[in-house]
Amino acid sequence: MMRRAVDWLARFTGPLLIIMISGSCGFVLGVAAASGSALP
């Protein structure tokens, strides 16, 4: 029972984690680009 839950959790959080990491990376890059272009 527990093994199946962990298996399902790993299968579910794998892509979610990748999406979150890529999303946060894009957010950080976007903020850096915005602040960089705002500077004179």
Protein backbone atom coordinates (compact mmCIF):
# COMPACT_ATOMS: atom_id res chain seq x y z
CA MET A 1 0.00 0.00 0.00
CA MET A 2 2.65 2.51 1.09
CA ARG A 3 4.92 1.45 -1.77
CA ARG A 4 2.20 2.15 -4.31
CA ALA A 5 1.53 5.57 -2.78
CA VAL A 6 5.22 6.46 -2.94
CA ASP A 7 5.37 5.20 -6.53
CA TRP A 8 2.34 7.32 -7.51
CA LEU A 9 3.76 10.31 -5.64
CA ALA A 10 7.11 10.01 -7.44
CA ARG A 11 5.40 9.71 -10.82
CA PHE A 12 3.20 12.72 -10.03
CA THR A 13 5.79 15.03 -8.45
CA GLY A 14 8.51 14.32 -11.04
CA PRO A 15 7.01 16.39 -13.90
CA LEU A 16 5.53 18.85 -11.38
CA LEU A 17 8.98 19.47 -9.92
CA ILE A 18 10.46 20.00 -13.40
CA ILE A 19 7.67 22.45 -14.27
CA MET A 20 8.16 24.30 -10.98
CA ILE A 21 11.95 24.52 -11.41
CA SER A 22 11.74 25.69 -15.02
CA GLY A 23 8.97 28.14 -14.08
CA SER A 24 10.97 29.64 -11.21
CA CYS A 25 14.08 29.82 -13.43
CA GLY A 26 12.09 31.66 -16.11
CA PHE A 27 10.62 33.96 -13.46
CA VAL A 28 14.06 34.81 -12.07
CA LEU A 29 15.44 35.41 -15.58
CA GLY A 30 12.43 37.59 -16.43
CA VAL A 31 12.84 39.68 -13.28
CA ALA A 32 16.58 40.04 -13.93
CA ALA A 33 15.93 41.11 -17.52
CA ALA A 34 13.22 43.56 -16.43
CA SER A 35 15.39 45.14 -13.73
CA GLY A 36 18.36 45.17 -16.11
CA SER A 37 16.40 46.99 -18.82
CA ALA A 38 14.96 49.38 -16.21
CA LEU A 39 18.46 50.46 -15.22
CA PRO A 40 19.96 53.31 -17.27
